[in-house]
C-alpha cells in the first residue's frame, strides 16, 4: 500500500513537471534543458571527484552554449539560402524519356583517374 502511495506521488510530480514544461516559451525551455543537462554533468563530476561549476557558472555556461548553438545554426541557414537557388526545382521528365544526372570527381595525377576514365569510356562507347 505504501509503495502505491509513493508511486502516485511520483506520478503526480511528473504530471506537474509536464504541465510546467508545456507553459514555457521556446527560449525558457531551451535554457532549462541545457541547465538540467549541465547539472547532470556536474553531478557526474562530483561523483568522480572532479571540480564542479558554481550555480552561476552553470547558468552562464547554459547561456553561452545556447548562444553558440543558435549562431552555428544561423550560419548553416544562411549557407543553405545562399547555396540553394529557390527558382530551381526538379521536374518530372516526359514519359518514355530517360533523365541521367552525372556527377564527376577528378583526382590529381593520371594514375588516380584510371578508374574514372575506364568507366566513362565503357559507358559512352
PDB file of N, CA and C in Angstrom:
ATOM      1  N   UNK A   1       0.823  -1.199   0.000  1.00  0.00           N
ATOM      2  CA  UNK A   1       0.000   0.000   0.000  1.00  0.00           C
ATOM      3  C   UNK A   1       0.862   1.256   0.000  1.00  0.00           C
ATOM      4  N   UNK A   2       1.917   1.245   0.811  1.00  0.00           N
ATOM      5  CA  UNK A   2       2.798   2.401   0.906  1.00  0.00           C
ATOM      6  C   UNK A   2       3.513   2.646  -0.424  1.00  0.00           C
ATOM      7  N   UNK A   3       3.890   1.582  -1.127  1.00  0.00           N
ATOM      8  CA  UNK A   3       4.537   1.701  -2.438  1.00  0.00           C
ATOM      9  C   UNK A   3       3.590   2.350  -3.439  1.00  0.00           C
ATOM     10  N   UNK A   4       2.318   1.991  -3.353  1.00  0.00           N
ATOM     11  CA  UNK A   4       1.327   2.565  -4.259  1.00  0.00           C
ATOM     12  C   UNK A   4       1.193   4.077  -4.023  1.00  0.00           C
ATOM     13  N   UNK A   5       1.174   4.491  -2.787  1.00  0.00           N
ATOM     14  CA  UNK A   5       1.088   5.917  -2.447  1.00  0.00           C
ATOM     15  C   UNK A   5       2.320   6.649  -2.964  1.00  0.00           C
ATOM     16  N   UNK A   6       3.486   6.047  -2.798  1.00  0.00           N
ATOM     17  CA  UNK A   6       4.734   6.648  -3.273  1.00  0.00           C
ATOM     18  C   UNK A   6       4.715   6.787  -4.799  1.00  0.00           C
ATOM     19  N   UNK A   7       4.283   5.760  -5.512  1.00  0.00           N
ATOM     20  CA  UNK A   7       4.193   5.817  -6.968  1.00  0.00           C
ATOM     21  C   UNK A   7       3.198   6.876  -7.433  1.00  0.00           C
ATOM     22  N   UNK A   8       2.084   6.994  -6.720  1.00  0.00           N
ATOM     23  CA  UNK A   8       1.096   8.024  -7.064  1.00  0.00           C
ATOM     24  C   UNK A   8       1.694   9.411  -6.855  1.00  0.00           C
ATOM     25  N   UNK A   9       2.482   9.573  -5.810  1.00  0.00           N
ATOM     26  CA  UNK A   9       3.133  10.857  -5.553  1.00  0.00           C
ATOM     27  C   UNK A   9       4.113  11.187  -6.689  1.00  0.00           C
ATOM     28  N   UNK A  10       4.950  10.231  -7.062  1.00  0.00           N
ATOM     29  CA  UNK A  10       5.912  10.457  -8.149  1.00  0.00           C
ATOM     30  C   UNK A  10       5.201  10.782  -9.463  1.00  0.00           C
ATOM     31  N   UNK A  11       4.107  10.069  -9.708  1.00  0.00           N
ATOM     32  CA  UNK A  11       3.340  10.330 -10.922  1.00  0.00           C
ATOM     33  C   UNK A  11       2.760  11.740 -10.893  1.00  0.00           C
ATOM     34  N   UNK A  12       2.268  12.152  -9.754  1.00  0.00           N
ATOM     35  CA  UNK A  12       1.719  13.500  -9.602  1.00  0.00           C
ATOM     36  C   UNK A  12       2.791  14.563  -9.842  1.00  0.00           C
ATOM     37  N   UNK A  13       3.966  14.345  -9.309  1.00  0.00           N
ATOM     38  CA  UNK A  13       5.081  15.281  -9.525  1.00  0.00           C
ATOM     39  C   UNK A  13       5.451  15.319 -10.999  1.00  0.00           C
ATOM     40  N   UNK A  14       5.484  14.167 -11.635  1.00  0.00           N
ATOM     41  CA  UNK A  14       5.805  14.083 -13.061  1.00  0.00           C
ATOM     42  C   UNK A  14       4.783  14.858 -13.901  1.00  0.00           C
ATOM     43  N   UNK A  15       3.510  14.697 -13.595  1.00  0.00           N
ATOM     44  CA  UNK A  15       2.453  15.408 -14.320  1.00  0.00           C
ATOM     45  C   UNK A  15       2.596  16.908 -14.122  1.00  0.00           C
ATOM     46  N   UNK A  16       2.933  17.347 -12.913  1.00  0.00           N
ATOM     47  CA  UNK A  16       3.148  18.782 -12.673  1.00  0.00           C
ATOM     48  C   UNK A  16       4.318  19.302 -13.497  1.00  0.00           C
ATOM     49  N   UNK A  17       5.390  18.516 -13.587  1.00  0.00           N
ATOM     50  CA  UNK A  17       6.548  18.902 -14.409  1.00  0.00           C
ATOM     51  C   UNK A  17       6.138  19.058 -15.871  1.00  0.00           C
ATOM     52  N   UNK A  18       5.377  18.092 -16.363  1.00  0.00           N
ATOM     53  CA  UNK A  18       4.923  18.176 -17.754  1.00  0.00           C
ATOM     54  C   UNK A  18       4.089  19.427 -17.990  1.00  0.00           C
ATOM     55  N   UNK A  19       3.215  19.727 -17.042  1.00  0.00           N
ATOM     56  CA  UNK A  19       2.397  20.919 -17.180  1.00  0.00           C
ATOM     57  C   UNK A  19       3.268  22.169 -17.193  1.00  0.00           C
ATOM     58  N   UNK A  20       4.223  22.251 -16.279  1.00  0.00           N
ATOM     59  CA  UNK A  20       5.117  23.415 -16.234  1.00  0.00           C
ATOM     60  C   UNK A  20       5.925  23.548 -17.522  1.00  0.00           C
ATOM     61  N   UNK A  21       6.412  22.429 -18.028  1.00  0.00           N
ATOM     62  CA  UNK A  21       7.183  22.462 -19.274  1.00  0.00           C
ATOM     63  C   UNK A  21       6.336  22.954 -20.432  1.00  0.00           C
ATOM     64  N   UNK A  22       5.072  22.568 -20.467  1.00  0.00           N
ATOM     65  CA  UNK A  22       4.202  22.985 -21.563  1.00  0.00           C
ATOM     66  C   UNK A  22       3.911  24.478 -21.526  1.00  0.00           C
ATOM     67  N   UNK A  23       4.084  25.107 -20.367  1.00  0.00           N
ATOM     68  CA  UNK A  23       3.824  26.535 -20.223  1.00  0.00           C
ATOM     69  C   UNK A  23       5.027  27.401 -20.600  1.00  0.00           C
ATOM     70  N   UNK A  24       6.199  26.790 -20.774  1.00  0.00           N
ATOM     71  CA  UNK A  24       7.411  27.560 -21.076  1.00  0.00           C
ATOM     72  C   UNK A  24       7.455  27.977 -22.540  1.00  0.00           C
ATOM     73  N   UNK A  25       8.003  29.164 -22.786  1.00  0.00           N
ATOM     74  CA  UNK A  25       8.262  29.546 -24.175  1.00  0.00           C
ATOM     75  C   UNK A  25       9.526  28.819 -24.638  1.00  0.00           C
ATOM     76  N   UNK A  26       9.810  28.879 -25.923  1.00  0.00           N
ATOM     77  CA  UNK A  26      10.923  28.117 -26.509  1.00  0.00           C
ATOM     78  C   UNK A  26      12.255  28.461 -25.852  1.00  0.00           C
ATOM     79  N   UNK A  27      12.517  29.742 -25.654  1.00  0.00           N
ATOM     80  CA  UNK A  27      13.788  30.176 -25.076  1.00  0.00           C
ATOM     81  C   UNK A  27      13.972  29.641 -23.661  1.00  0.00           C
ATOM     82  N   UNK A  28      12.916  29.720 -22.856  1.00  0.00           N
ATOM     83  CA  UNK A  28      12.991  29.222 -21.472  1.00  0.00           C
ATOM     84  C   UNK A  28      13.168  27.709 -21.443  1.00  0.00           C
ATOM     85  N   UNK A  29      12.471  27.020 -22.343  1.00  0.00           N
ATOM     86  CA  UNK A  29      12.599  25.565 -22.402  1.00  0.00           C
ATOM     87  C   UNK A  29      14.026  25.158 -22.782  1.00  0.00           C
ATOM     88  N   UNK A  30      14.609  25.832 -23.779  1.00  0.00           N
ATOM     89  CA  UNK A  30      15.985  25.531 -24.185  1.00  0.00           C
ATOM     90  C   UNK A  30      16.944  25.755 -23.030  1.00  0.00           C
ATOM     91  N   UNK A  31      16.755  26.874 -22.320  1.00  0.00           N
ATOM     92  CA  UNK A  31      17.631  27.169 -21.179  1.00  0.00           C
ATOM     93  C   UNK A  31      17.488  26.099 -20.110  1.00  0.00           C
ATOM     94  N   UNK A  32      16.264  25.729 -19.782  1.00  0.00           N
ATOM     95  CA  UNK A  32      16.040  24.694 -18.770  1.00  0.00           C
ATOM     96  C   UNK A  32      16.693  23.377 -19.180  1.00  0.00           C
ATOM     97  N   UNK A  33      16.525  22.993 -20.450  1.00  0.00           N
ATOM     98  CA  UNK A  33      17.092  21.725 -20.920  1.00  0.00           C
ATOM     99  C   UNK A  33      18.612  21.721 -20.792  1.00  0.00           C
ATOM    100  N   UNK A  34      19.262  22.822 -21.174  1.00  0.00           N
ATOM    101  CA  UNK A  34      20.728  22.870 -21.096  1.00  0.00           C
ATOM    102  C   UNK A  34      21.188  22.927 -19.642  1.00  0.00           C
ATOM    103  N   UNK A  35      20.466  23.660 -18.789  1.00  0.00           N
ATOM    104  CA  UNK A  35      20.834  23.717 -17.366  1.00  0.00           C
ATOM    105  C   UNK A  35      20.707  22.324 -16.736  1.00  0.00           C
ATOM    106  N   UNK A  36      19.610  21.622 -17.011  1.00  0.00           N
ATOM    107  CA  UNK A  36      19.445  20.273 -16.461  1.00  0.00           C
ATOM    108  C   UNK A  36      20.526  19.326 -16.956  1.00  0.00           C
ATOM    109  N   UNK A  37      20.867  19.445 -18.231  1.00  0.00           N
ATOM    110  CA  UNK A  37      21.931  18.611 -18.804  1.00  0.00           C
ATOM    111  C   UNK A  37      23.259  18.903 -18.101  1.00  0.00           C
ATOM    112  N   UNK A  38      23.569  20.198 -17.905  1.00  0.00           N
ATOM    113  CA  UNK A  38      24.827  20.551 -17.252  1.00  0.00           C
ATOM    114  C   UNK A  38      24.818  20.153 -15.782  1.00  0.00           C
ATOM    115  N   UNK A  39      23.659  20.235 -15.120  1.00  0.00           N
ATOM    116  CA  UNK A  39      23.584  19.780 -13.719  1.00  0.00           C
ATOM    117  C   UNK A  39      23.885  18.283 -13.628  1.00  0.00           C
ATOM    118  N   UNK A  40      23.418  17.526 -14.618  1.00  0.00           N
ATOM    119  CA  UNK A  40      23.736  16.089 -14.637  1.00  0.00           C
ATOM    120  C   UNK A  40      25.246  15.890 -14.802  1.00  0.00           C
ATOM    121  N   UNK A  41      25.871  16.684 -15.677  1.00  0.00           N
ATOM    122  CA  UNK A  41      27.326  16.611 -15.835  1.00  0.00           C
ATOM    123  C   UNK A  41      28.034  16.972 -14.539  1.00  0.00           C
ATOM    124  N   UNK A  42      27.525  17.997 -13.854  1.00  0.00           N
ATOM    125  CA  UNK A  42      28.127  18.407 -12.582  1.00  0.00           C
ATOM    126  C   UNK A  42      27.971  17.320 -11.528  1.00  0.00           C
ATOM    127  N   UNK A  43      26.851  16.652 -11.541  1.00  0.00           N
ATOM    128  CA  UNK A  43      26.636  15.535 -10.627  1.00  0.00           C
ATOM    129  C   UNK A  43      27.669  14.436 -10.889  1.00  0.00           C
ATOM    130  N   UNK A  44      27.923  14.166 -12.177  1.00  0.00           N
ATOM    131  CA  UNK A  44      28.939  13.165 -12.516  1.00  0.00           C
ATOM    132  C   UNK A  44      30.335  13.623 -12.099  1.00  0.00           C
ATOM    133  N   UNK A  45      30.623  14.918 -12.284  1.00  0.00           N
ATOM    134  CA  UNK A  45      31.924  15.444 -11.846  1.00  0.00           C
ATOM    135  C   UNK A  45      32.097  15.245 -10.345  1.00  0.00           C
ATOM    136  N   UNK A  46      31.067  15.587  -9.563  1.00  0.00           N
ATOM    137  CA  UNK A  46      31.139  15.442  -8.105  1.00  0.00           C
ATOM    138  C   UNK A  46      31.321  13.975  -7.725  1.00  0.00           C
ATOM    139  N   UNK A  47      30.588  13.097  -8.396  1.00  0.00           N
ATOM    140  CA  UNK A  47      30.668  11.660  -8.090  1.00  0.00           C
ATOM    141  C   UNK A  47      32.069  11.105  -8.338  1.00  0.00           C
ATOM    142  N   UNK A  48      32.760  11.663  -9.352  1.00  0.00           N
ATOM    143  CA  UNK A  48      34.085  11.162  -9.707  1.00  0.00           C
ATOM    144  C   UNK A  48      35.213  12.036  -9.166  1.00  0.00           C
ATOM    145  N   UNK A  49      34.872  12.924  -8.243  1.00  0.00           N
ATOM    146  CA  UNK A  49      35.895  13.720  -7.571  1.00  0.00           C
ATOM    147  C   UNK A  49      36.497  14.836  -8.419  1.00  0.00           C
ATOM    148  N   UNK A  50      35.785  15.267  -9.453  1.00  0.00           N
ATOM    149  CA  UNK A  50      36.274  16.343 -10.305  1.00  0.00           C
ATOM    150  C   UNK A  50      35.728  17.679  -9.822  1.00  0.00           C
ATOM    151  N   UNK A  51      36.345  18.755 -10.267  1.00  0.00           N
ATOM    152  CA  UNK A  51      35.911  20.090  -9.876  1.00  0.00           C
ATOM    153  C   UNK A  51      34.565  20.422 -10.537  1.00  0.00           C
ATOM    154  N   UNK A  52      33.674  21.040  -9.765  1.00  0.00           N
ATOM    155  CA  UNK A  52      32.339  21.372 -10.248  1.00  0.00           C
ATOM    156  C   UNK A  52      32.199  22.874 -10.452  1.00  0.00           C
ATOM    157  N   UNK A  53      31.282  23.238 -11.319  1.00  0.00           N
ATOM    158  CA  UNK A  53      30.957  24.642 -11.546  1.00  0.00           C
ATOM    159  C   UNK A  53      30.012  25.133 -10.454  1.00  0.00           C
ATOM    160  N   UNK A  54      30.065  26.420 -10.176  1.00  0.00           N
ATOM    161  CA  UNK A  54      29.116  27.023  -9.248  1.00  0.00           C
ATOM    162  C   UNK A  54      27.776  27.183  -9.968  1.00  0.00           C
ATOM    163  N   UNK A  55      26.688  27.399  -9.225  1.00  0.00           N
ATOM    164  CA  UNK A  55      25.390  27.595  -9.885  1.00  0.00           C
ATOM    165  C   UNK A  55      25.399  28.737 -10.908  1.00  0.00           C
ATOM    166  N   UNK A  56      26.080  29.829 -10.590  1.00  0.00           N
ATOM    167  CA  UNK A  56      26.129  30.943 -11.547  1.00  0.00           C
ATOM    168  C   UNK A  56      26.940  30.563 -12.785  1.00  0.00           C
ATOM    169  N   UNK A  57      27.969  29.737 -12.609  1.00  0.00           N
ATOM    170  CA  UNK A  57      28.752  29.275 -13.762  1.00  0.00           C
ATOM    171  C   UNK A  57      27.935  28.320 -14.638  1.00  0.00           C
ATOM    172  N   UNK A  58      27.086  27.515 -14.017  1.00  0.00           N
ATOM    173  CA  UNK A  58      26.215  26.614 -14.782  1.00  0.00           C
ATOM    174  C   UNK A  58      25.256  27.436 -15.629  1.00  0.00           C
ATOM    175  N   UNK A  59      24.661  28.474 -15.028  1.00  0.00           N
ATOM    176  CA  UNK A  59      23.737  29.343 -15.767  1.00  0.00           C
ATOM    177  C   UNK A  59      24.456  30.073 -16.897  1.00  0.00           C
ATOM    178  N   UNK A  60      25.675  30.550 -16.621  1.00  0.00           N
ATOM    179  CA  UNK A  60      26.472  31.238 -17.647  1.00  0.00           C
ATOM    180  C   UNK A  60      26.821  30.274 -18.781  1.00  0.00           C
ATOM    181  N   UNK A  61      27.195  29.047 -18.417  1.00  0.00           N
ATOM    182  CA  UNK A  61      27.503  28.030 -19.424  1.00  0.00           C
ATOM    183  C   UNK A  61      26.294  27.787 -20.323  1.00  0.00           C
ATOM    184  N   UNK A  62      25.108  27.654 -19.706  1.00  0.00           N
ATOM    185  CA  UNK A  62      23.895  27.381 -20.483  1.00  0.00           C
ATOM    186  C   UNK A  62      23.626  28.507 -21.472  1.00  0.00           C
ATOM    187  N   UNK A  63      23.737  29.738 -21.028  1.00  0.00           N
ATOM    188  CA  UNK A  63      23.509  30.868 -21.922  1.00  0.00           C
ATOM    189  C   UNK A  63      24.492  30.898 -23.071  1.00  0.00           C
ATOM    190  N   UNK A  64      25.772  30.658 -22.759  1.00  0.00           N
ATOM    191  CA  UNK A  64      26.814  30.659 -23.788  1.00  0.00           C
ATOM    192  C   UNK A  64      26.610  29.501 -24.768  1.00  0.00           C
ATOM    193  N   UNK A  65      26.263  28.324 -24.244  1.00  0.00           N
ATOM    194  CA  UNK A  65      26.059  27.142 -25.085  1.00  0.00           C
ATOM    195  C   UNK A  65      24.906  27.375 -26.063  1.00  0.00           C
ATOM    196  N   UNK A  66      23.793  27.901 -25.560  1.00  0.00           N
ATOM    197  CA  UNK A  66      22.637  28.162 -26.415  1.00  0.00           C
ATOM    198  C   UNK A  66      22.979  29.213 -27.461  1.00  0.00           C
ATOM    199  N   UNK A  67      23.689  30.271 -27.048  1.00  0.00           N
ATOM    200  CA  UNK A  67      24.075  31.318 -27.995  1.00  0.00           C
ATOM    201  C   UNK A  67      24.945  30.743 -29.112  1.00  0.00           C
ATOM    202  N   UNK A  68      25.960  29.946 -28.748  1.00  0.00           N
ATOM    203  CA  UNK A  68      26.854  29.350 -29.750  1.00  0.00           C
ATOM    204  C   UNK A  68      26.081  28.414 -30.681  1.00  0.00           C
ATOM    205  N   UNK A  69      25.151  27.636 -30.126  1.00  0.00           N
ATOM    206  CA  UNK A  69      24.343  26.738 -30.953  1.00  0.00           C
ATOM    207  C   UNK A  69      23.503  27.537 -31.942  1.00  0.00           C
ATOM    208  N   UNK A  70      22.841  28.580 -31.451  1.00  0.00           N
ATOM    209  CA  UNK A  70      21.986  29.386 -32.318  1.00  0.00           C
ATOM    210  C   UNK A  70      22.802  30.083 -33.404  1.00  0.00           C
ATOM    211  N   UNK A  71      24.004  30.565 -33.070  1.00  0.00           N
ATOM    212  CA  UNK A  71      24.862  31.211 -34.062  1.00  0.00           C
ATOM    213  C   UNK A  71      25.291  30.210 -35.140  1.00  0.00           C
ATOM    214  N   UNK A  72      25.676  29.011 -34.712  1.00  0.00           N
ATOM    215  CA  UNK A  72      26.078  27.981 -35.676  1.00  0.00           C
ATOM    216  C   UNK A  72      24.898  27.613 -36.567  1.00  0.00           C
ATOM    217  N   UNK A  73      23.721  27.472 -35.995  1.00  0.00           N
ATOM    218  CA  UNK A  73      22.533  27.124 -36.770  1.00  0.00           C
ATOM    219  C   UNK A  73      22.192  28.248 -37.746  1.00  0.00           C
ATOM    220  N   UNK A  74      22.341  29.509 -37.293  1.00  0.00           N
ATOM    221  CA  UNK A  74      22.064  30.651 -38.158  1.00  0.00           C
ATOM    222  C   UNK A  74      23.015  30.647 -39.357  1.00  0.00           C
ATOM    223  N   UNK A  75      24.300  30.331 -39.102  1.00  0.00           N
ATOM    224  CA  UNK A  75      25.271  30.266 -40.198  1.00  0.00           C
ATOM    225  C   UNK A  75      24.903  29.172 -41.190  1.00  0.00           C
ATOM    226  N   UNK A  76      24.425  28.045 -40.694  1.00  0.00           N
ATOM    227  CA  UNK A  76      24.008  26.952 -41.576  1.00  0.00           C
ATOM    228  C   UNK A  76      22.812  27.394 -42.411  1.00  0.00           C
ATOM    229  N   UNK A  77      21.838  28.068 -41.777  1.00  0.00           N
ATOM    230  CA  UNK A  77      20.659  28.539 -42.517  1.00  0.00           C
ATOM    231  C   UNK A  77      21.064  29.526 -43.608  1.00  0.00           C
ATOM    232  N   UNK A  78      21.987  30.441 -43.287  1.00  0.00           N
ATOM    233  CA  UNK A  78      22.450  31.413 -44.282  1.00  0.00           C
ATOM    234  C   UNK A  78      23.139  30.683 -45.423  1.00  0.00           C
ATOM    235  N   UNK A  79      23.975  29.701 -45.105  1.00  0.00           N
ATOM    236  CA  UNK A  79      24.668  28.921 -46.126  1.00  0.00           C
ATOM    237  C   UNK A  79      23.672  28.217 -47.030  1.00  0.00           C
ATOM    238  N   UNK A  80      22.629  27.621 -46.426  1.00  0.00           N
ATOM    239  CA  UNK A  80      21.623  26.914 -47.218  1.00  0.00           C
ATOM    240  C   UNK A  80      20.886  27.875 -48.150  1.00  0.00           C
ATOM    241  N   UNK A  81      20.576  29.072 -47.672  1.00  0.00           N
ATOM    242  CA  UNK A  81      19.885  30.051 -48.512  1.00  0.00           C
ATOM    243  C   UNK A  81      20.771  30.466 -49.672  1.00  0.00           C
ATOM    244  N   UNK A  82      22.048  30.678 -49.401  1.00  0.00           N
ATOM    245  CA  UNK A  82      22.971  31.083 -50.456  1.00  0.00           C
ATOM    246  C   UNK A  82      23.231  29.949 -51.442  1.00  0.00           C
ATOM    247  N   UNK A  83      23.257  28.725 -50.945  1.00  0.00           N
ATOM    248  CA  UNK A  83      23.609  27.573 -51.775  1.00  0.00           C
ATOM    249  C   UNK A  83      22.457  27.122 -52.661  1.00  0.00           C
ATOM    250  N   UNK A  84      21.248  27.242 -52.192  1.00  0.00           N
ATOM    251  CA  UNK A  84      20.101  26.702 -52.920  1.00  0.00           C
ATOM    252  C   UNK A  84      19.437  27.811 -53.725  1.00  0.00           C
ATOM    253  N   UNK A  85      19.280  27.583 -54.995  1.00  0.00           N
ATOM    254  CA  UNK A  85      18.576  28.514 -55.866  1.00  0.00           C
ATOM    255  C   UNK A  85      17.084  28.234 -55.707  1.00  0.00           C
ATOM    256  N   UNK A  86      16.352  29.196 -55.186  1.00  0.00           N
ATOM    257  CA  UNK A  86      14.929  28.987 -54.921  1.00  0.00           C
ATOM    258  C   UNK A  86      14.119  28.778 -56.194  1.00  0.00           C
ATOM    259  N   UNK A  87      14.622  29.227 -57.350  1.00  0.00           N
ATOM    260  CA  UNK A  87      13.902  29.054 -58.609  1.00  0.00           C
ATOM    261  C   UNK A  87      14.098  27.651 -59.173  1.00  0.00           C
ATOM    262  N   UNK A  88      15.206  27.027 -58.835  1.00  0.00           N
ATOM    263  CA  UNK A  88      15.494  25.700 -59.381  1.00  0.00           C
ATOM    264  C   UNK A  88      14.652  24.653 -58.647  1.00  0.00           C
ATOM    265  N   UNK A  89      14.069  23.758 -59.378  1.00  0.00           N
ATOM    266  CA  UNK A  89      13.362  22.646 -58.775  1.00  0.00           C
ATOM    267  C   UNK A  89      13.280  21.506 -59.802  1.00  0.00           C
ATOM    268  N   UNK A  90      13.064  20.341 -59.266  1.00  0.00           N
ATOM    269  CA  UNK A  90      13.019  19.170 -60.131  1.00  0.00           C
ATOM    270  C   UNK A  90      11.683  19.111 -60.840  1.00  0.00           C
ATOM    271  N   UNK A  91      11.742  18.702 -62.091  1.00  0.00           N
ATOM    272  CA  UNK A  91      10.521  18.494 -62.869  1.00  0.00           C
ATOM    273  C   UNK A  91      10.489  17.047 -63.326  1.00  0.00           C
ATOM    274  N   UNK A  92       9.313  16.488 -63.338  1.00  0.00           N
ATOM    275  CA  UNK A  92       9.140  15.125 -63.823  1.00  0.00           C
ATOM    276  C   UNK A  92       9.393  15.106 -65.328  1.00  0.00           C
ATOM    277  N   UNK A  93      10.240  14.189 -65.772  1.00  0.00           N
ATOM    278  CA  UNK A  93      10.528  14.110 -67.202  1.00  0.00           C
ATOM    279  C   UNK A  93       9.341  13.512 -67.962  1.00  0.00           C
ATOM    280  N   UNK A  94       9.347  13.728 -69.258  1.00  0.00           N
ATOM    281  CA  UNK A  94       8.256  13.231 -70.098  1.00  0.00           C
ATOM    282  C   UNK A  94       8.261  11.706 -70.127  1.00  0.00           C
ATOM    283  N   UNK A  95       7.096  11.083 -70.237  1.00  0.00           N
ATOM    284  CA  UNK A  95       7.031   9.619 -70.324  1.00  0.00           C
ATOM    285  C   UNK A  95       7.838   9.123 -71.521  1.00  0.00           C
ATOM    286  N   UNK A  96       8.547   8.025 -71.343  1.00  0.00           N
ATOM    287  CA  UNK A  96       9.349   7.451 -72.414  1.00  0.00           C
ATOM    288  C   UNK A  96      10.721   8.079 -72.541  1.00  0.00           C
ATOM    289  N   UNK A  97      11.042   9.042 -71.706  1.00  0.00           N
ATOM    290  CA  UNK A  97      12.348   9.707 -71.752  1.00  0.00           C
ATOM    291  C   UNK A  97      13.180   9.252 -70.560  1.00  0.00           C
ATOM    292  N   UNK A  98      14.464   9.256 -70.743  1.00  0.00           N
ATOM    293  CA  UNK A  98      15.399   8.892 -69.682  1.00  0.00           C
ATOM    294  C   UNK A  98      16.169  10.125 -69.265  1.00  0.00           C
ATOM    295  N   UNK A  99      16.187  10.392 -67.973  1.00  0.00           N
ATOM    296  CA  UNK A  99      16.954  11.518 -67.460  1.00  0.00           C
ATOM    297  C   UNK A  99      18.156  10.944 -66.734  1.00  0.00           C
ATOM    298  N   UNK A 100      19.337  11.432 -67.070  1.00  0.00           N
ATOM    299  CA  UNK A 100      20.573  10.939 -66.478  1.00  0.00           C
ATOM    300  C   UNK A 100      21.311  12.103 -65.841  1.00  0.00           C
ATOM    301  N   UNK A 101      21.466  12.046 -64.529  1.00  0.00           N
ATOM    302  CA  UNK A 101      22.252  13.048 -63.814  1.00  0.00           C
ATOM    303  C   UNK A 101      23.665  12.515 -63.679  1.00  0.00           C
ATOM    304  N   UNK A 102      24.636  13.343 -63.984  1.00  0.00           N
ATOM    305  CA  UNK A 102      26.025  12.907 -63.960  1.00  0.00           C
ATOM    306  C   UNK A 102      26.811  13.799 -63.008  1.00  0.00           C
ATOM    307  N   UNK A 103      27.571  13.179 -62.149  1.00  0.00           N
ATOM    308  CA  UNK A 103      28.494  13.901 -61.277  1.00  0.00           C
ATOM    309  C   UNK A 103      29.892  13.431 -61.600  1.00  0.00           C
ATOM    310  N   UNK A 104      30.873  14.216 -61.279  1.00  0.00           N
ATOM    311  CA  UNK A 104      32.241  13.792 -61.579  1.00  0.00           C
ATOM    312  C   UNK A 104      33.172  14.206 -60.459  1.00  0.00           C
ATOM    313  N   UNK A 105      34.288  13.550 -60.432  1.00  0.00           N
ATOM    314  CA  UNK A 105      35.332  13.844 -59.460  1.00  0.00           C
ATOM    315  C   UNK A 105      36.664  13.648 -60.163  1.00  0.00           C
ATOM    316  N   UNK A 106      37.561  14.551 -59.966  1.00  0.00           N
ATOM    317  CA  UNK A 106      38.864  14.454 -60.624  1.00  0.00           C
ATOM    318  C   UNK A 106      39.955  14.481 -59.576  1.00  0.00           C
ATOM    319  N   UNK A 107      40.803  13.474 -59.584  1.00  0.00           N
ATOM    320  CA  UNK A 107      41.929  13.404 -58.664  1.00  0.00           C
ATOM    321  C   UNK A 107      43.178  13.883 -59.377  1.00  0.00           C
ATOM    322  N   UNK A 108      44.067  14.495 -58.642  1.00  0.00           N
ATOM    323  CA  UNK A 108      45.321  14.981 -59.239  1.00  0.00           C
ATOM    324  C   UNK A 108      46.192  13.789 -59.578  1.00  0.00           C
ATOM    325  N   UNK A 109      46.724  13.777 -60.760  1.00  0.00           N
ATOM    326  CA  UNK A 109      47.608  12.684 -61.191  1.00  0.00           C
ATOM    327  C   UNK A 109      46.874  11.707 -62.083  1.00  0.00           C
ATOM    328  N   UNK A 110      47.513  11.332 -63.159  1.00  0.00           N
ATOM    329  CA  UNK A 110      46.886  10.460 -64.141  1.00  0.00           C
ATOM    330  C   UNK A 110      46.575   9.080 -63.580  1.00  0.00           C
ATOM    331  N   UNK A 111      47.430   8.542 -62.723  1.00  0.00           N
ATOM    332  CA  UNK A 111      47.206   7.203 -62.179  1.00  0.00           C
ATOM    333  C   UNK A 111      45.915   7.121 -61.372  1.00  0.00           C
ATOM    334  N   UNK A 112      45.553   8.206 -60.710  1.00  0.00           N
ATOM    335  CA  UNK A 112      44.337   8.206 -59.893  1.00  0.00           C
ATOM    336  C   UNK A 112      43.071   8.258 -60.722  1.00  0.00           C
ATOM    337  N   UNK A 113      43.161   8.641 -61.976  1.00  0.00           N
ATOM    338  CA  UNK A 113      41.981   8.798 -62.810  1.00  0.00           C
ATOM    339  C   UNK A 113      41.685   7.594 -63.695  1.00  0.00           C
ATOM    340  N   UNK A 114      42.466   6.526 -63.614  1.00  0.00           N
ATOM    341  CA  UNK A 114      42.277   5.375 -64.491  1.00  0.00           C
ATOM    342  C   UNK A 114      40.892   4.760 -64.352  1.00  0.00           C
ATOM    343  N   UNK A 115      40.382   4.623 -63.141  1.00  0.00           N
ATOM    344  CA  UNK A 115      39.068   4.011 -62.935  1.00  0.00           C
ATOM    345  C   UNK A 115      37.988   4.899 -63.538  1.00  0.00           C
ATOM    346  N   UNK A 116      38.056   6.206 -63.270  1.00  0.00           N
ATOM    347  CA  UNK A 116      37.052   7.134 -63.803  1.00  0.00           C
ATOM    348  C   UNK A 116      37.074   7.136 -65.328  1.00  0.00           C
ATOM    349  N   UNK A 117      38.271   7.124 -65.930  1.00  0.00           N
ATOM    350  CA  UNK A 117      38.378   7.104 -67.392  1.00  0.00           C
ATOM    351  C   UNK A 117      37.810   5.813 -67.954  1.00  0.00           C
ATOM    352  N   UNK A 118      38.117   4.689 -67.311  1.00  0.00           N
ATOM    353  CA  UNK A 118      37.614   3.399 -67.789  1.00  0.00           C
ATOM    354  C   UNK A 118      36.097   3.341 -67.744  1.00  0.00           C
ATOM    355  N   UNK A 119      35.510   3.830 -66.653  1.00  0.00           N
ATOM    356  CA  UNK A 119      34.058   3.829 -66.536  1.00  0.00           C
ATOM    357  C   UNK A 119      33.413   4.737 -67.585  1.00  0.00           C
ATOM    358  N   UNK A 120      33.996   5.907 -67.782  1.00  0.00           N
ATOM    359  CA  UNK A 120      33.448   6.838 -68.769  1.00  0.00           C
ATOM    360  C   UNK A 120      33.526   6.257 -70.168  1.00  0.00           C
ATOM    361  N   UNK A 121      34.687   5.641 -70.517  1.00  0.00           N
ATOM    362  CA  UNK A 121      34.844   5.055 -71.842  1.00  0.00           C
ATOM    363  C   UNK A 121      33.855   3.909 -72.044  1.00  0.00           C
ATOM    364  N   UNK A 122      33.692   3.075 -71.032  1.00  0.00           N
ATOM    365  CA  UNK A 122      32.787   1.925 -71.130  1.00  0.00           C
ATOM    366  C   UNK A 122      31.333   2.385 -71.286  1.00  0.00           C
ATOM    367  N   UNK A 123      30.970   3.424 -70.579  1.00  0.00           N
ATOM    368  CA  UNK A 123      29.590   3.878 -70.612  1.00  0.00           C
ATOM    369  C   UNK A 123      29.263   4.600 -71.923  1.00  0.00           C
ATOM    370  N   UNK A 124      30.175   5.458 -72.395  1.00  0.00           N
ATOM    371  CA  UNK A 124      29.881   6.285 -73.550  1.00  0.00           C
ATOM    372  C   UNK A 124      30.327   5.664 -74.859  1.00  0.00           C
ATOM    373  N   UNK A 125      30.981   4.499 -74.858  1.00  0.00           N
ATOM    374  CA  UNK A 125      31.423   3.873 -76.115  1.00  0.00           C
ATOM    375  C   UNK A 125      30.293   3.081 -76.739  1.00  0.00           C
TER     376      UNK A 125
END
